[in-house]
């Protein structure tokens, strides 16, 4: 079974680099810090969704333009889809381990 859950995460990371302003730091599996930290990825996901919510509420009050709202929502959608894909791949790998004979 080919479990490539981290490929989805790498794709999300590279796509988010294109959407992130220069100077902002992203945590990726290839960082020089060594270990890959899932808690920082989950914090990044929560932060992205929170930014889209705040952009939407700012638009409703007239403090933001539609373009920034669409960018924030697209970024949040990409983050959520990546998290769901990662979760599905982990569940598939776990199910495959349960099917293995001991």
PDB file of N, CA and C in Angstrom:
ATOM      1  N   UNK A   1       0.845  -1.173   0.000  1.00  0.00           N
ATOM      2  CA  UNK A   1       0.000   0.000   0.000  1.00  0.00           C
ATOM      3  C   UNK A   1       0.890   1.235   0.000  1.00  0.00           C
ATOM      4  N   UNK A   2       0.619   2.161  -0.899  1.00  0.00           N
ATOM      5  CA  UNK A   2       1.397   3.387  -0.990  1.00  0.00           C
ATOM      6  C   UNK A   2       0.718   4.466  -0.164  1.00  0.00           C
ATOM      7  N   UNK A   3       1.260   4.748   1.006  1.00  0.00           N
ATOM      8  CA  UNK A   3       0.702   5.780   1.867  1.00  0.00           C
ATOM      9  C   UNK A   3       1.571   7.016   1.707  1.00  0.00           C
ATOM     10  N   UNK A   4       1.034   8.000   1.063  1.00  0.00           N
ATOM     11  CA  UNK A   4       1.790   9.228   0.824  1.00  0.00           C
ATOM     12  C   UNK A   4       1.080  10.414   1.465  1.00  0.00           C
ATOM     13  N   UNK A   5       0.821  10.308   2.747  1.00  0.00           N
ATOM     14  CA  UNK A   5       0.120  11.364   3.455  1.00  0.00           C
ATOM     15  C   UNK A   5       0.946  12.636   3.521  1.00  0.00           C
ATOM     16  N   UNK A   6       2.246  12.469   3.623  1.00  0.00           N
ATOM     17  CA  UNK A   6       3.074  13.660   3.737  1.00  0.00           C
ATOM     18  C   UNK A   6       3.229  14.370   2.395  1.00  0.00           C
ATOM     19  N   UNK A   7       2.934  13.685   1.293  1.00  0.00           N
ATOM     20  CA  UNK A   7       2.944  14.369   0.003  1.00  0.00           C
ATOM     21  C   UNK A   7       1.859  15.431  -0.050  1.00  0.00           C
ATOM     22  N   UNK A   8       0.709  15.141   0.515  1.00  0.00           N
ATOM     23  CA  UNK A   8      -0.361  16.133   0.572  1.00  0.00           C
ATOM     24  C   UNK A   8       0.068  17.317   1.421  1.00  0.00           C
ATOM     25  N   UNK A   9       0.754  17.035   2.510  1.00  0.00           N
ATOM     26  CA  UNK A   9       1.216  18.096   3.384  1.00  0.00           C
ATOM     27  C   UNK A   9       2.279  18.949   2.708  1.00  0.00           C
ATOM     28  N   UNK A  10       3.173  18.302   1.950  1.00  0.00           N
ATOM     29  CA  UNK A  10       4.190  19.045   1.212  1.00  0.00           C
ATOM     30  C   UNK A  10       3.551  19.917   0.139  1.00  0.00           C
ATOM     31  N   UNK A  11       2.528  19.396  -0.523  1.00  0.00           N
ATOM     32  CA  UNK A  11       1.836  20.162  -1.546  1.00  0.00           C
ATOM     33  C   UNK A  11       1.150  21.372  -0.928  1.00  0.00           C
ATOM     34  N   UNK A  12       0.519  21.166   0.218  1.00  0.00           N
ATOM     35  CA  UNK A  12      -0.107  22.285   0.923  1.00  0.00           C
ATOM     36  C   UNK A  12       0.930  23.325   1.301  1.00  0.00           C
ATOM     37  N   UNK A  13       2.068  22.869   1.769  1.00  0.00           N
ATOM     38  CA  UNK A  13       3.121  23.788   2.174  1.00  0.00           C
ATOM     39  C   UNK A  13       3.619  24.604   0.999  1.00  0.00           C
ATOM     40  N   UNK A  14       3.837  23.961  -0.135  1.00  0.00           N
ATOM     41  CA  UNK A  14       4.322  24.697  -1.297  1.00  0.00           C
ATOM     42  C   UNK A  14       3.252  25.635  -1.840  1.00  0.00           C
ATOM     43  N   UNK A  15       1.990  25.231  -1.778  1.00  0.00           N
ATOM     44  CA  UNK A  15       0.920  26.111  -2.234  1.00  0.00           C
ATOM     45  C   UNK A  15       0.752  27.287  -1.293  1.00  0.00           C
ATOM     46  N   UNK A  16       0.933  27.058   0.004  1.00  0.00           N
ATOM     47  CA  UNK A  16       0.772  28.153   0.948  1.00  0.00           C
ATOM     48  C   UNK A  16       1.925  29.140   0.843  1.00  0.00           C
ATOM     49  N   UNK A  17       3.113  28.664   0.458  1.00  0.00           N
ATOM     50  CA  UNK A  17       4.229  29.577   0.259  1.00  0.00           C
ATOM     51  C   UNK A  17       3.904  30.590  -0.821  1.00  0.00           C
ATOM     52  N   UNK A  18       3.145  30.166  -1.819  1.00  0.00           N
ATOM     53  CA  UNK A  18       2.767  31.079  -2.889  1.00  0.00           C
ATOM     54  C   UNK A  18       1.758  32.112  -2.407  1.00  0.00           C
ATOM     55  N   UNK A  19       0.973  31.764  -1.388  1.00  0.00           N
ATOM     56  CA  UNK A  19      -0.049  32.667  -0.873  1.00  0.00           C
ATOM     57  C   UNK A  19       0.416  33.500   0.307  1.00  0.00           C
ATOM     58  N   UNK A  20       1.572  33.146   0.886  1.00  0.00           N
ATOM     59  CA  UNK A  20       2.056  33.821   2.082  1.00  0.00           C
ATOM     60  C   UNK A  20       2.990  34.958   1.708  1.00  0.00           C
ATOM     61  N   UNK A  21       2.855  36.098   2.360  1.00  0.00           N
ATOM     62  CA  UNK A  21       3.774  37.197   2.083  1.00  0.00           C
ATOM     63  C   UNK A  21       5.202  36.825   2.451  1.00  0.00           C
ATOM     64  N   UNK A  22       6.158  37.441   1.765  1.00  0.00           N
ATOM     65  CA  UNK A  22       7.554  37.143   2.051  1.00  0.00           C
ATOM     66  C   UNK A  22       7.896  37.563   3.472  1.00  0.00           C
ATOM     67  N   UNK A  23       8.756  36.805   4.084  1.00  0.00           N
ATOM     68  CA  UNK A  23       9.164  37.093   5.458  1.00  0.00           C
ATOM     69  C   UNK A  23       8.420  36.264   6.482  1.00  0.00           C
ATOM     70  N   UNK A  24       7.273  35.702   6.116  1.00  0.00           N
ATOM     71  CA  UNK A  24       6.528  34.862   7.050  1.00  0.00           C
ATOM     72  C   UNK A  24       7.144  33.472   7.037  1.00  0.00           C
ATOM     73  N   UNK A  25       7.252  32.849   8.204  1.00  0.00           N
ATOM     74  CA  UNK A  25       7.885  31.537   8.308  1.00  0.00           C
ATOM     75  C   UNK A  25       6.830  30.456   8.327  1.00  0.00           C
ATOM     76  N   UNK A  26       7.048  29.438   7.526  1.00  0.00           N
ATOM     77  CA  UNK A  26       6.186  28.265   7.504  1.00  0.00           C
ATOM     78  C   UNK A  26       6.968  27.071   8.008  1.00  0.00           C
ATOM     79  N   UNK A  27       6.305  26.171   8.717  1.00  0.00           N
ATOM     80  CA  UNK A  27       6.952  24.950   9.180  1.00  0.00           C
ATOM     81  C   UNK A  27       6.668  23.852   8.178  1.00  0.00           C
ATOM     82  N   UNK A  28       7.719  23.283   7.630  1.00  0.00           N
ATOM     83  CA  UNK A  28       7.575  22.207   6.654  1.00  0.00           C
ATOM     84  C   UNK A  28       8.416  21.022   7.089  1.00  0.00           C
ATOM     85  N   UNK A  29       8.191  19.859   6.512  1.00  0.00           N
ATOM     86  CA  UNK A  29       8.972  18.689   6.883  1.00  0.00           C
ATOM     87  C   UNK A  29      10.460  18.844   6.575  1.00  0.00           C
ATOM     88  N   UNK A  30      10.836  19.751   5.699  1.00  0.00           N
ATOM     89  CA  UNK A  30      12.230  19.908   5.317  1.00  0.00           C
ATOM     90  C   UNK A  30      12.944  21.032   6.056  1.00  0.00           C
ATOM     91  N   UNK A  31      12.340  21.577   7.109  1.00  0.00           N
ATOM     92  CA  UNK A  31      12.980  22.660   7.860  1.00  0.00           C
ATOM     93  C   UNK A  31      14.264  22.175   8.510  1.00  0.00           C
ATOM     94  N   UNK A  32      15.156  23.104   8.776  1.00  0.00           N
ATOM     95  CA  UNK A  32      16.440  22.752   9.364  1.00  0.00           C
ATOM     96  C   UNK A  32      16.317  22.394  10.835  1.00  0.00           C
ATOM     97  N   UNK A  33      15.148  22.583  11.415  1.00  0.00           N
ATOM     98  CA  UNK A  33      14.962  22.268  12.824  1.00  0.00           C
ATOM     99  C   UNK A  33      14.934  20.768  13.077  1.00  0.00           C
ATOM    100  N   UNK A  34      14.817  19.984  12.042  1.00  0.00           N
ATOM    101  CA  UNK A  34      14.895  18.539  12.213  1.00  0.00           C
ATOM    102  C   UNK A  34      13.547  17.865  12.200  1.00  0.00           C
ATOM    103  N   UNK A  35      12.953  17.666  13.346  1.00  0.00           N
ATOM    104  CA  UNK A  35      11.721  16.897  13.457  1.00  0.00           C
ATOM    105  C   UNK A  35      10.529  17.652  12.881  1.00  0.00           C
ATOM    106  N   UNK A  36       9.612  16.875  12.348  1.00  0.00           N
ATOM    107  CA  UNK A  36       8.377  17.413  11.811  1.00  0.00           C
ATOM    108  C   UNK A  36       7.369  17.475  12.946  1.00  0.00           C
ATOM    109  N   UNK A  37       6.787  18.628  13.181  1.00  0.00           N
ATOM    110  CA  UNK A  37       5.930  18.837  14.322  1.00  0.00           C
ATOM    111  C   UNK A  37       4.486  19.008  13.852  1.00  0.00           C
ATOM    112  N   UNK A  38       3.638  18.028  14.143  1.00  0.00           N
ATOM    113  CA  UNK A  38       2.241  18.109  13.730  1.00  0.00           C
ATOM    114  C   UNK A  38       1.467  19.174  14.488  1.00  0.00           C
ATOM    115  N   UNK A  39       1.897  19.512  15.687  1.00  0.00           N
ATOM    116  CA  UNK A  39       1.186  20.546  16.425  1.00  0.00           C
ATOM    117  C   UNK A  39       1.338  21.903  15.745  1.00  0.00           C
ATOM    118  N   UNK A  40       2.510  22.170  15.167  1.00  0.00           N
ATOM    119  CA  UNK A  40       2.677  23.443  14.453  1.00  0.00           C
ATOM    120  C   UNK A  40       1.848  23.463  13.173  1.00  0.00           C
ATOM    121  N   UNK A  41       1.690  22.301  12.545  1.00  0.00           N
ATOM    122  CA  UNK A  41       0.848  22.228  11.349  1.00  0.00           C
ATOM    123  C   UNK A  41      -0.606  22.489  11.729  1.00  0.00           C
ATOM    124  N   UNK A  42      -1.047  21.908  12.836  1.00  0.00           N
ATOM    125  CA  UNK A  42      -2.435  22.126  13.261  1.00  0.00           C
ATOM    126  C   UNK A  42      -2.647  23.577  13.680  1.00  0.00           C
ATOM    127  N   UNK A  43      -1.642  24.186  14.318  1.00  0.00           N
ATOM    128  CA  UNK A  43      -1.750  25.609  14.663  1.00  0.00           C
ATOM    129  C   UNK A  43      -1.827  26.462  13.402  1.00  0.00           C
ATOM    130  N   UNK A  44      -1.067  26.075  12.380  1.00  0.00           N
ATOM    131  CA  UNK A  44      -1.100  26.779  11.106  1.00  0.00           C
ATOM    132  C   UNK A  44      -2.482  26.663  10.467  1.00  0.00           C
ATOM    133  N   UNK A  45      -3.091  25.484  10.554  1.00  0.00           N
ATOM    134  CA  UNK A  45      -4.436  25.271  10.022  1.00  0.00           C
ATOM    135  C   UNK A  45      -5.449  26.146  10.750  1.00  0.00           C
ATOM    136  N   UNK A  46      -5.383  26.140  12.063  1.00  0.00           N
ATOM    137  CA  UNK A  46      -6.320  26.936  12.860  1.00  0.00           C
ATOM    138  C   UNK A  46      -6.130  28.423  12.571  1.00  0.00           C
ATOM    139  N   UNK A  47      -4.877  28.854  12.442  1.00  0.00           N
ATOM    140  CA  UNK A  47      -4.601  30.252  12.132  1.00  0.00           C
ATOM    141  C   UNK A  47      -5.140  30.656  10.775  1.00  0.00           C
ATOM    142  N   UNK A  48      -5.012  29.777   9.792  1.00  0.00           N
ATOM    143  CA  UNK A  48      -5.510  30.070   8.452  1.00  0.00           C
ATOM    144  C   UNK A  48      -7.026  30.194   8.447  1.00  0.00           C
ATOM    145  N   UNK A  49      -7.702  29.288   9.142  1.00  0.00           N
ATOM    146  CA  UNK A  49      -9.166  29.348   9.210  1.00  0.00           C
ATOM    147  C   UNK A  49      -9.611  30.589   9.984  1.00  0.00           C
ATOM    148  N   UNK A  50      -8.895  30.935  11.048  1.00  0.00           N
ATOM    149  CA  UNK A  50      -9.245  32.129  11.822  1.00  0.00           C
ATOM    150  C   UNK A  50      -9.061  33.395  10.993  1.00  0.00           C
ATOM    151  N   UNK A  51      -8.016  33.432  10.168  1.00  0.00           N
ATOM    152  CA  UNK A  51      -7.803  34.598   9.298  1.00  0.00           C
ATOM    153  C   UNK A  51      -8.938  34.748   8.295  1.00  0.00           C
ATOM    154  N   UNK A  52      -9.420  33.618   7.766  1.00  0.00           N
ATOM    155  CA  UNK A  52     -10.525  33.704   6.805  1.00  0.00           C
ATOM    156  C   UNK A  52     -11.808  34.173   7.485  1.00  0.00           C
ATOM    157  N   UNK A  53     -12.018  33.727   8.715  1.00  0.00           N
ATOM    158  CA  UNK A  53     -13.202  34.177   9.450  1.00  0.00           C
ATOM    159  C   UNK A  53     -13.128  35.667   9.756  1.00  0.00           C
ATOM    160  N   UNK A  54     -11.948  36.129  10.163  1.00  0.00           N
ATOM    161  CA  UNK A  54     -11.811  37.557  10.457  1.00  0.00           C
ATOM    162  C   UNK A  54     -11.918  38.397   9.195  1.00  0.00           C
ATOM    163  N   UNK A  55     -11.407  37.888   8.058  1.00  0.00           N
ATOM    164  CA  UNK A  55     -11.541  38.616   6.793  1.00  0.00           C
ATOM    165  C   UNK A  55     -13.006  38.694   6.375  1.00  0.00           C
ATOM    166  N   UNK A  56     -13.749  37.612   6.574  1.00  0.00           N
ATOM    167  CA  UNK A  56     -15.167  37.613   6.227  1.00  0.00           C
ATOM    168  C   UNK A  56     -15.949  38.588   7.096  1.00  0.00           C
ATOM    169  N   UNK A  57     -15.654  38.602   8.390  1.00  0.00           N
ATOM    170  CA  UNK A  57     -16.365  39.541   9.268  1.00  0.00           C
ATOM    171  C   UNK A  57     -15.960  40.985   8.982  1.00  0.00           C
ATOM    172  N   UNK A  58     -14.696  41.205   8.591  1.00  0.00           N
ATOM    173  CA  UNK A  58     -14.270  42.560   8.225  1.00  0.00           C
ATOM    174  C   UNK A  58     -14.971  43.003   6.940  1.00  0.00           C
ATOM    175  N   UNK A  59     -15.184  42.079   6.015  1.00  0.00           N
ATOM    176  CA  UNK A  59     -15.896  42.411   4.787  1.00  0.00           C
ATOM    177  C   UNK A  59     -17.350  42.768   5.080  1.00  0.00           C
ATOM    178  N   UNK A  60     -17.971  42.034   6.014  1.00  0.00           N
ATOM    179  CA  UNK A  60     -19.364  42.303   6.347  1.00  0.00           C
ATOM    180  C   UNK A  60     -19.544  43.660   7.005  1.00  0.00           C
ATOM    181  N   UNK A  61     -18.520  44.131   7.684  1.00  0.00           N
ATOM    182  CA  UNK A  61     -18.602  45.453   8.312  1.00  0.00           C
ATOM    183  C   UNK A  61     -18.075  46.548   7.396  1.00  0.00           C
ATOM    184  N   UNK A  62     -17.619  46.180   6.210  1.00  0.00           N
ATOM    185  CA  UNK A  62     -17.155  47.164   5.246  1.00  0.00           C
ATOM    186  C   UNK A  62     -15.703  47.572   5.407  1.00  0.00           C
ATOM    187  N   UNK A  63     -14.919  46.800   6.136  1.00  0.00           N
ATOM    188  CA  UNK A  63     -13.524  47.144   6.394  1.00  0.00           C
ATOM    189  C   UNK A  63     -12.535  46.376   5.524  1.00  0.00           C
ATOM    190  N   UNK A  64     -13.022  45.522   4.634  1.00  0.00           N
ATOM    191  CA  UNK A  64     -12.135  44.731   3.788  1.00  0.00           C
ATOM    192  C   UNK A  64     -12.700  44.670   2.377  1.00  0.00           C
ATOM    193  N   UNK A  65     -11.804  44.492   1.420  1.00  0.00           N
ATOM    194  CA  UNK A  65     -12.250  44.385   0.031  1.00  0.00           C
ATOM    195  C   UNK A  65     -12.545  42.916  -0.307  1.00  0.00           C
ATOM    196  N   UNK A  66     -13.340  42.684  -1.329  1.00  0.00           N
ATOM    197  CA  UNK A  66     -13.719  41.304  -1.680  1.00  0.00           C
ATOM    198  C   UNK A  66     -12.531  40.432  -2.077  1.00  0.00           C
ATOM    199  N   UNK A  67     -11.521  41.036  -2.688  1.00  0.00           N
ATOM    200  CA  UNK A  67     -10.366  40.253  -3.135  1.00  0.00           C
ATOM    201  C   UNK A  67      -9.648  39.599  -1.956  1.00  0.00           C
ATOM    202  N   UNK A  68      -9.445  40.330  -0.876  1.00  0.00           N
ATOM    203  CA  UNK A  68      -8.762  39.757   0.287  1.00  0.00           C
ATOM    204  C   UNK A  68      -9.599  38.670   0.947  1.00  0.00           C
ATOM    205  N   UNK A  69     -10.911  38.829   0.904  1.00  0.00           N
ATOM    206  CA  UNK A  69     -11.799  37.811   1.474  1.00  0.00           C
ATOM    207  C   UNK A  69     -11.729  36.523   0.649  1.00  0.00           C
ATOM    208  N   UNK A  70     -11.723  36.660  -0.661  1.00  0.00           N
ATOM    209  CA  UNK A  70     -11.641  35.479  -1.523  1.00  0.00           C
ATOM    210  C   UNK A  70     -10.296  34.780  -1.333  1.00  0.00           C
ATOM    211  N   UNK A  71      -9.214  35.542  -1.218  1.00  0.00           N
ATOM    212  CA  UNK A  71      -7.900  34.937  -0.970  1.00  0.00           C
ATOM    213  C   UNK A  71      -7.878  34.189   0.356  1.00  0.00           C
ATOM    214  N   UNK A  72      -8.429  34.795   1.399  1.00  0.00           N
ATOM    215  CA  UNK A  72      -8.433  34.161   2.718  1.00  0.00           C
ATOM    216  C   UNK A  72      -9.280  32.901   2.725  1.00  0.00           C
ATOM    217  N   UNK A  73     -10.421  32.938   2.067  1.00  0.00           N
ATOM    218  CA  UNK A  73     -11.289  31.770   2.036  1.00  0.00           C
ATOM    219  C   UNK A  73     -10.672  30.653   1.196  1.00  0.00           C
ATOM    220  N   UNK A  74     -10.022  31.001   0.085  1.00  0.00           N
ATOM    221  CA  UNK A  74      -9.355  29.990  -0.734  1.00  0.00           C
ATOM    222  C   UNK A  74      -8.213  29.341   0.032  1.00  0.00           C
ATOM    223  N   UNK A  75      -7.476  30.136   0.787  1.00  0.00           N
ATOM    224  CA  UNK A  75      -6.388  29.593   1.595  1.00  0.00           C
ATOM    225  C   UNK A  75      -6.926  28.662   2.679  1.00  0.00           C
ATOM    226  N   UNK A  76      -8.017  29.053   3.321  1.00  0.00           N
ATOM    227  CA  UNK A  76      -8.626  28.201   4.344  1.00  0.00           C
ATOM    228  C   UNK A  76      -9.173  26.921   3.735  1.00  0.00           C
ATOM    229  N   UNK A  77      -9.769  27.028   2.551  1.00  0.00           N
ATOM    230  CA  UNK A  77     -10.289  25.836   1.887  1.00  0.00           C
ATOM    231  C   UNK A  77      -9.170  24.854   1.559  1.00  0.00           C
ATOM    232  N   UNK A  78      -8.051  25.364   1.075  1.00  0.00           N
ATOM    233  CA  UNK A  78      -6.899  24.520   0.779  1.00  0.00           C
ATOM    234  C   UNK A  78      -6.364  23.855   2.044  1.00  0.00           C
ATOM    235  N   UNK A  79      -6.324  24.610   3.134  1.00  0.00           N
ATOM    236  CA  UNK A  79      -5.824  24.061   4.395  1.00  0.00           C
ATOM    237  C   UNK A  79      -6.741  22.958   4.923  1.00  0.00           C
ATOM    238  N   UNK A  80      -8.036  23.176   4.863  1.00  0.00           N
ATOM    239  CA  UNK A  80      -8.985  22.179   5.361  1.00  0.00           C
ATOM    240  C   UNK A  80      -8.966  20.928   4.484  1.00  0.00           C
ATOM    241  N   UNK A  81      -8.921  21.104   3.161  1.00  0.00           N
ATOM    242  CA  UNK A  81      -8.853  19.954   2.270  1.00  0.00           C
ATOM    243  C   UNK A  81      -7.585  19.140   2.510  1.00  0.00           C
ATOM    244  N   UNK A  82      -6.480  19.821   2.769  1.00  0.00           N
ATOM    245  CA  UNK A  82      -5.230  19.123   3.058  1.00  0.00           C
ATOM    246  C   UNK A  82      -5.322  18.364   4.367  1.00  0.00           C
ATOM    247  N   UNK A  83      -5.909  18.981   5.381  1.00  0.00           N
ATOM    248  CA  UNK A  83      -6.059  18.303   6.674  1.00  0.00           C
ATOM    249  C   UNK A  83      -6.950  17.072   6.544  1.00  0.00           C
ATOM    250  N   UNK A  84      -8.015  17.174   5.775  1.00  0.00           N
ATOM    251  CA  UNK A  84      -8.915  16.038   5.579  1.00  0.00           C
ATOM    252  C   UNK A  84      -8.205  14.925   4.813  1.00  0.00           C
ATOM    253  N   UNK A  85      -7.435  15.300   3.793  1.00  0.00           N
ATOM    254  CA  UNK A  85      -6.682  14.306   3.035  1.00  0.00           C
ATOM    255  C   UNK A  85      -5.661  13.604   3.913  1.00  0.00           C
ATOM    256  N   UNK A  86      -4.965  14.370   4.728  1.00  0.00           N
ATOM    257  CA  UNK A  86      -3.980  13.800   5.641  1.00  0.00           C
ATOM    258  C   UNK A  86      -4.638  12.849   6.634  1.00  0.00           C
ATOM    259  N   UNK A  87      -5.777  13.261   7.186  1.00  0.00           N
ATOM    260  CA  UNK A  87      -6.499  12.402   8.125  1.00  0.00           C
ATOM    261  C   UNK A  87      -6.947  11.116   7.443  1.00  0.00           C
ATOM    262  N   UNK A  88      -7.462  11.224   6.220  1.00  0.00           N
ATOM    263  CA  UNK A  88      -7.921  10.032   5.494  1.00  0.00           C
ATOM    264  C   UNK A  88      -6.771   9.066   5.232  1.00  0.00           C
ATOM    265  N   UNK A  89      -5.619   9.607   4.874  1.00  0.00           N
ATOM    266  CA  UNK A  89      -4.466   8.738   4.603  1.00  0.00           C
ATOM    267  C   UNK A  89      -3.986   8.053   5.879  1.00  0.00           C
ATOM    268  N   UNK A  90      -4.006   8.751   6.990  1.00  0.00           N
ATOM    269  CA  UNK A  90      -3.592   8.146   8.263  1.00  0.00           C
ATOM    270  C   UNK A  90      -4.566   7.057   8.666  1.00  0.00           C
ATOM    271  N   UNK A  91      -5.856   7.297   8.483  1.00  0.00           N
ATOM    272  CA  UNK A  91      -6.863   6.284   8.808  1.00  0.00           C
ATOM    273  C   UNK A  91      -6.698   5.064   7.910  1.00  0.00           C
ATOM    274  N   UNK A  92      -6.432   5.294   6.621  1.00  0.00           N
ATOM    275  CA  UNK A  92      -6.206   4.171   5.709  1.00  0.00           C
ATOM    276  C   UNK A  92      -4.984   3.354   6.122  1.00  0.00           C
ATOM    277  N   UNK A  93      -3.919   4.032   6.522  1.00  0.00           N
ATOM    278  CA  UNK A  93      -2.710   3.322   6.954  1.00  0.00           C
ATOM    279  C   UNK A  93      -2.992   2.516   8.226  1.00  0.00           C
ATOM    280  N   UNK A  94      -3.745   3.089   9.155  1.00  0.00           N
ATOM    281  CA  UNK A  94      -4.098   2.389  10.382  1.00  0.00           C
ATOM    282  C   UNK A  94      -4.947   1.160  10.076  1.00  0.00           C
ATOM    283  N   UNK A  95      -5.904   1.301   9.176  1.00  0.00           N
ATOM    284  CA  UNK A  95      -6.757   0.174   8.804  1.00  0.00           C
ATOM    285  C   UNK A  95      -5.930  -0.930   8.128  1.00  0.00           C
ATOM    286  N   UNK A  96      -4.951  -0.529   7.341  1.00  0.00           N
ATOM    287  CA  UNK A  96      -4.083  -1.512   6.691  1.00  0.00           C
ATOM    288  C   UNK A  96      -3.265  -2.258   7.739  1.00  0.00           C
ATOM    289  N   UNK A  97      -2.809  -1.547   8.759  1.00  0.00           N
ATOM    290  CA  UNK A  97      -2.066  -2.214   9.840  1.00  0.00           C
ATOM    291  C   UNK A  97      -2.951  -3.187  10.605  1.00  0.00           C
ATOM    292  N   UNK A  98      -4.209  -2.848  10.780  1.00  0.00           N
ATOM    293  CA  UNK A  98      -5.129  -3.752  11.486  1.00  0.00           C
ATOM    294  C   UNK A  98      -5.386  -5.015  10.674  1.00  0.00           C
ATOM    295  N   UNK A  99      -5.323  -4.922   9.358  1.00  0.00           N
ATOM    296  CA  UNK A  99      -5.566  -6.093   8.517  1.00  0.00           C
ATOM    297  C   UNK A  99      -4.362  -7.012   8.420  1.00  0.00           C
ATOM    298  N   UNK A 100      -3.203  -6.584   8.879  1.00  0.00           N
ATOM    299  CA  UNK A 100      -1.990  -7.403   8.767  1.00  0.00           C
ATOM    300  C   UNK A 100      -2.054  -8.575   9.742  1.00  0.00           C
ATOM    301  N   UNK A 101      -1.647  -9.743   9.294  1.00  0.00           N
ATOM    302  CA  UNK A 101      -1.609 -10.878  10.211  1.00  0.00           C
ATOM    303  C   UNK A 101      -0.439 -10.742  11.186  1.00  0.00           C
ATOM    304  N   UNK A 102      -0.662 -11.209  12.383  1.00  0.00           N
ATOM    305  CA  UNK A 102       0.391 -11.100  13.402  1.00  0.00           C
ATOM    306  C   UNK A 102       1.236 -12.349  13.417  1.00  0.00           C
TER     307      UNK A 102
END
